[in-house]
Amino acid sequence: MAEPQPHMAAALNHLESAQNQLRRADNDKGSHRERALELIQAAMGEVRQGIEFDNQHKEDRTQRGDRQYGNPLGQLNRGHRERHPRGEW
């Protein structure tokens, strides 16, 4: 069963919204609008691949205790908090 991924789903929703807005924009952007649409399409593909990767490797993470696919930002945040003991950012 696929686990919920609200942040990835939200990212897809935002990308789809941006794509719709760009499609409605005038074409007089010197090909930048078209390039932005291409980049959004690529980003959407990457997000979907990330979701699929996560879903396929869920069992691996469970067996390893999530060591390999842990939260690297959590580690960075811990280091940051160590430098600022009051928890200030």
N, C-alpha and C. Protein backbone atom coordinates (compact mmCIF):
# COMPACT_ATOMS: atom_id res chain seq x y z
N MET A 1 0.84 -1.18 0.00
CA MET A 1 0.00 0.00 0.00
C MET A 1 0.89 1.25 0.00
N ALA A 2 0.56 2.20 -0.80
CA ALA A 2 1.30 3.45 -0.88
C ALA A 2 1.00 4.30 0.35
N GLU A 3 2.06 4.86 0.92
CA GLU A 3 1.84 5.72 2.08
C GLU A 3 1.48 7.13 1.61
N PRO A 4 0.73 7.84 2.41
CA PRO A 4 0.35 9.21 2.04
C PRO A 4 1.59 10.10 1.92
N GLN A 5 1.57 10.93 0.93
CA GLN A 5 2.68 11.85 0.70
C GLN A 5 2.11 13.24 0.45
N PRO A 6 1.62 13.88 1.50
CA PRO A 6 0.90 15.15 1.31
C PRO A 6 1.77 16.26 0.73
N HIS A 7 3.05 16.28 1.06
CA HIS A 7 3.91 17.35 0.54
C HIS A 7 4.17 17.16 -0.95
N MET A 8 4.37 15.92 -1.35
CA MET A 8 4.59 15.65 -2.78
C MET A 8 3.29 15.93 -3.55
N ALA A 9 2.15 15.54 -2.99
CA ALA A 9 0.87 15.82 -3.65
C ALA A 9 0.63 17.32 -3.75
N ALA A 10 0.97 18.05 -2.70
CA ALA A 10 0.81 19.51 -2.73
C ALA A 10 1.72 20.12 -3.79
N ALA A 11 2.94 19.60 -3.90
CA ALA A 11 3.87 20.11 -4.92
C ALA A 11 3.29 19.89 -6.31
N LEU A 12 2.72 18.72 -6.55
CA LEU A 12 2.10 18.46 -7.86
C LEU A 12 0.95 19.42 -8.11
N ASN A 13 0.13 19.67 -7.10
CA ASN A 13 -0.99 20.60 -7.27
C ASN A 13 -0.50 22.00 -7.62
N HIS A 14 0.55 22.45 -6.95
CA HIS A 14 1.10 23.78 -7.23
C HIS A 14 1.69 23.85 -8.63
N LEU A 15 2.38 22.79 -9.03
CA LEU A 15 2.95 22.76 -10.38
C LEU A 15 1.85 22.76 -11.43
N GLU A 16 0.78 22.01 -11.19
CA GLU A 16 -0.34 22.00 -12.14
C GLU A 16 -0.99 23.37 -12.23
N SER A 17 -1.11 24.05 -11.09
CA SER A 17 -1.68 25.39 -11.09
C SER A 17 -0.79 26.35 -11.87
N ALA A 18 0.52 26.27 -11.65
CA ALA A 18 1.45 27.12 -12.39
C ALA A 18 1.38 26.83 -13.89
N GLN A 19 1.28 25.58 -14.22
CA GLN A 19 1.17 25.18 -15.63
C GLN A 19 -0.09 25.78 -16.26
N ASN A 20 -1.21 25.70 -15.56
CA ASN A 20 -2.46 26.27 -16.08
C ASN A 20 -2.36 27.78 -16.25
N GLN A 21 -1.74 28.45 -15.30
CA GLN A 21 -1.59 29.90 -15.41
C GLN A 21 -0.72 30.27 -16.60
N LEU A 22 0.37 29.55 -16.78
CA LEU A 22 1.26 29.84 -17.91
C LEU A 22 0.57 29.57 -19.24
N ARG A 23 -0.25 28.54 -19.30
CA ARG A 23 -0.97 28.24 -20.55
C ARG A 23 -1.95 29.36 -20.90
N ARG A 24 -2.47 30.03 -19.88
CA ARG A 24 -3.42 31.12 -20.11
C ARG A 24 -2.72 32.45 -20.43
N ALA A 25 -1.44 32.53 -20.14
CA ALA A 25 -0.70 33.78 -20.35
C ALA A 25 -0.51 34.03 -21.85
N ASP A 26 -0.31 35.31 -22.19
CA ASP A 26 -0.03 35.68 -23.58
C ASP A 26 1.27 35.02 -24.04
N ASN A 27 1.37 34.84 -25.36
CA ASN A 27 2.54 34.18 -25.94
C ASN A 27 3.72 35.12 -26.18
N ASP A 28 3.62 36.37 -25.82
CA ASP A 28 4.66 37.35 -26.15
C ASP A 28 5.75 37.42 -25.08
N LYS A 29 6.32 36.29 -24.75
CA LYS A 29 7.32 36.24 -23.67
C LYS A 29 8.70 35.83 -24.18
N GLY A 30 8.94 35.92 -25.48
CA GLY A 30 10.24 35.59 -26.03
C GLY A 30 10.65 34.15 -25.79
N SER A 31 9.75 33.23 -25.90
CA SER A 31 9.92 31.78 -25.71
C SER A 31 10.17 31.38 -24.25
N HIS A 32 10.18 32.33 -23.34
CA HIS A 32 10.39 32.00 -21.93
C HIS A 32 9.18 31.28 -21.33
N ARG A 33 8.00 31.62 -21.76
CA ARG A 33 6.79 30.95 -21.27
C ARG A 33 6.84 29.48 -21.67
N GLU A 34 7.21 29.22 -22.93
CA GLU A 34 7.27 27.83 -23.41
C GLU A 34 8.33 27.04 -22.63
N ARG A 35 9.46 27.68 -22.37
CA ARG A 35 10.52 27.00 -21.61
C ARG A 35 10.05 26.73 -20.18
N ALA A 36 9.36 27.67 -19.60
CA ALA A 36 8.84 27.47 -18.24
C ALA A 36 7.86 26.30 -18.22
N LEU A 37 7.02 26.19 -19.25
CA LEU A 37 6.09 25.07 -19.33
C LEU A 37 6.84 23.74 -19.44
N GLU A 38 7.92 23.72 -20.21
CA GLU A 38 8.73 22.51 -20.33
C GLU A 38 9.34 22.13 -18.99
N LEU A 39 9.86 23.12 -18.29
CA LEU A 39 10.49 22.86 -16.99
C LEU A 39 9.47 22.38 -15.95
N ILE A 40 8.28 22.95 -15.99
CA ILE A 40 7.22 22.50 -15.07
C ILE A 40 6.85 21.06 -15.38
N GLN A 41 6.73 20.73 -16.66
CA GLN A 41 6.40 19.35 -17.05
C GLN A 41 7.49 18.40 -16.53
N ALA A 42 8.75 18.80 -16.68
CA ALA A 42 9.85 17.96 -16.18
C ALA A 42 9.79 17.83 -14.66
N ALA A 43 9.50 18.92 -13.97
CA ALA A 43 9.40 18.89 -12.51
C ALA A 43 8.27 17.97 -12.06
N MET A 44 7.15 18.03 -12.76
CA MET A 44 6.03 17.15 -12.41
C MET A 44 6.44 15.68 -12.58
N GLY A 45 7.18 15.40 -13.63
CA GLY A 45 7.67 14.03 -13.83
C GLY A 45 8.60 13.59 -12.71
N GLU A 46 9.47 14.49 -12.26
CA GLU A 46 10.38 14.17 -11.16
C GLU A 46 9.62 13.92 -9.87
N VAL A 47 8.62 14.73 -9.60
CA VAL A 47 7.82 14.53 -8.38
C VAL A 47 7.12 13.18 -8.44
N ARG A 48 6.53 12.86 -9.57
CA ARG A 48 5.85 11.55 -9.72
C ARG A 48 6.84 10.40 -9.56
N GLN A 49 8.03 10.55 -10.12
CA GLN A 49 9.04 9.50 -9.98
C GLN A 49 9.48 9.37 -8.52
N GLY A 50 9.58 10.50 -7.82
CA GLY A 50 9.92 10.46 -6.40
C GLY A 50 8.87 9.73 -5.59
N ILE A 51 7.62 9.98 -5.89
CA ILE A 51 6.52 9.29 -5.21
C ILE A 51 6.61 7.79 -5.49
N GLU A 52 6.81 7.44 -6.74
CA GLU A 52 6.90 6.03 -7.12
C GLU A 52 8.10 5.36 -6.44
N PHE A 53 9.24 6.05 -6.43
CA PHE A 53 10.42 5.51 -5.76
C PHE A 53 10.13 5.25 -4.29
N ASP A 54 9.54 6.22 -3.63
CA ASP A 54 9.22 6.07 -2.22
C ASP A 54 8.29 4.89 -2.00
N ASN A 55 7.28 4.78 -2.84
CA ASN A 55 6.33 3.67 -2.69
C ASN A 55 7.00 2.32 -2.91
N GLN A 56 7.92 2.24 -3.85
CA GLN A 56 8.60 0.98 -4.13
C GLN A 56 9.60 0.59 -3.05
N HIS A 57 10.15 1.57 -2.36
CA HIS A 57 11.19 1.29 -1.38
C HIS A 57 10.71 1.36 0.07
N LYS A 58 9.40 1.42 0.25
CA LYS A 58 8.86 1.49 1.61
C LYS A 58 9.27 0.26 2.43
N GLU A 59 9.17 -0.91 1.83
CA GLU A 59 9.53 -2.13 2.56
C GLU A 59 11.01 -2.13 2.91
N ASP A 60 11.86 -1.66 2.00
CA ASP A 60 13.29 -1.58 2.28
C ASP A 60 13.56 -0.70 3.49
N ARG A 61 12.88 0.46 3.55
CA ARG A 61 13.07 1.39 4.66
C ARG A 61 12.63 0.77 5.97
N THR A 62 11.53 0.04 5.93
CA THR A 62 11.01 -0.58 7.14
C THR A 62 11.99 -1.61 7.67
N GLN A 63 12.55 -2.41 6.78
CA GLN A 63 13.49 -3.44 7.20
C GLN A 63 14.79 -2.85 7.73
N ARG A 64 15.23 -1.73 7.19
CA ARG A 64 16.48 -1.10 7.61
C ARG A 64 16.26 -0.10 8.74
N GLY A 65 15.06 0.13 9.14
CA GLY A 65 14.79 1.12 10.17
C GLY A 65 14.98 2.53 9.65
N ASP A 66 14.81 2.71 8.34
CA ASP A 66 14.86 4.03 7.70
C ASP A 66 16.24 4.69 7.83
N ARG A 67 17.29 3.88 7.93
CA ARG A 67 18.64 4.47 8.02
C ARG A 67 19.06 5.08 6.68
N GLN A 68 18.89 4.35 5.59
CA GLN A 68 19.36 4.85 4.30
C GLN A 68 18.49 5.96 3.76
N TYR A 69 17.18 5.85 3.94
CA TYR A 69 16.27 6.82 3.37
C TYR A 69 15.73 7.75 4.44
N GLY A 70 16.54 8.05 5.43
CA GLY A 70 16.13 8.92 6.51
C GLY A 70 16.00 10.36 6.04
N ASN A 71 15.77 11.24 6.96
CA ASN A 71 15.57 12.65 6.66
C ASN A 71 16.88 13.40 6.80
N PRO A 72 17.59 13.65 5.69
CA PRO A 72 18.86 14.37 5.81
C PRO A 72 18.68 15.79 6.33
N LEU A 73 17.54 16.40 6.06
CA LEU A 73 17.30 17.74 6.59
C LEU A 73 17.16 17.72 8.10
N GLY A 74 16.60 16.64 8.61
CA GLY A 74 16.50 16.50 10.05
C GLY A 74 17.88 16.49 10.69
N GLN A 75 18.83 15.84 10.03
CA GLN A 75 20.19 15.83 10.54
C GLN A 75 20.79 17.23 10.48
N LEU A 76 20.55 17.92 9.39
CA LEU A 76 21.06 19.29 9.28
C LEU A 76 20.43 20.18 10.34
N ASN A 77 19.14 20.00 10.55
CA ASN A 77 18.46 20.82 11.56
C ASN A 77 19.02 20.55 12.95
N ARG A 78 19.32 19.29 13.24
CA ARG A 78 19.89 18.98 14.55
C ARG A 78 21.23 19.69 14.71
N GLY A 79 22.05 19.66 13.66
CA GLY A 79 23.34 20.35 13.72
C GLY A 79 23.15 21.83 13.92
N HIS A 80 22.14 22.39 13.26
CA HIS A 80 21.87 23.81 13.38
C HIS A 80 21.46 24.15 14.81
N ARG A 81 20.63 23.31 15.38
CA ARG A 81 20.20 23.56 16.75
C ARG A 81 21.36 23.44 17.74
N GLU A 82 22.32 22.56 17.42
CA GLU A 82 23.46 22.45 18.31
C GLU A 82 24.26 23.75 18.32
N ARG A 83 24.32 24.42 17.20
CA ARG A 83 25.05 25.68 17.14
C ARG A 83 24.26 26.79 17.83
N HIS A 84 22.92 26.62 17.92
CA HIS A 84 22.05 27.62 18.53
C HIS A 84 21.21 26.92 19.59
N PRO A 85 21.74 26.77 20.78
CA PRO A 85 21.06 25.97 21.80
C PRO A 85 19.66 26.46 22.17
N ARG A 86 19.37 27.71 21.93
CA ARG A 86 18.02 28.20 22.27
C ARG A 86 17.02 27.84 21.18
N GLY A 87 17.46 27.16 20.13
CA GLY A 87 16.56 26.77 19.06
C GLY A 87 16.25 27.89 18.11
N GLU A 88 17.04 28.95 18.12
CA GLU A 88 16.78 30.07 17.21
C GLU A 88 17.25 29.73 15.83
N TRP A 89 16.53 30.19 14.85
CA TRP A 89 16.92 29.98 13.45
C TRP A 89 17.48 31.23 12.97
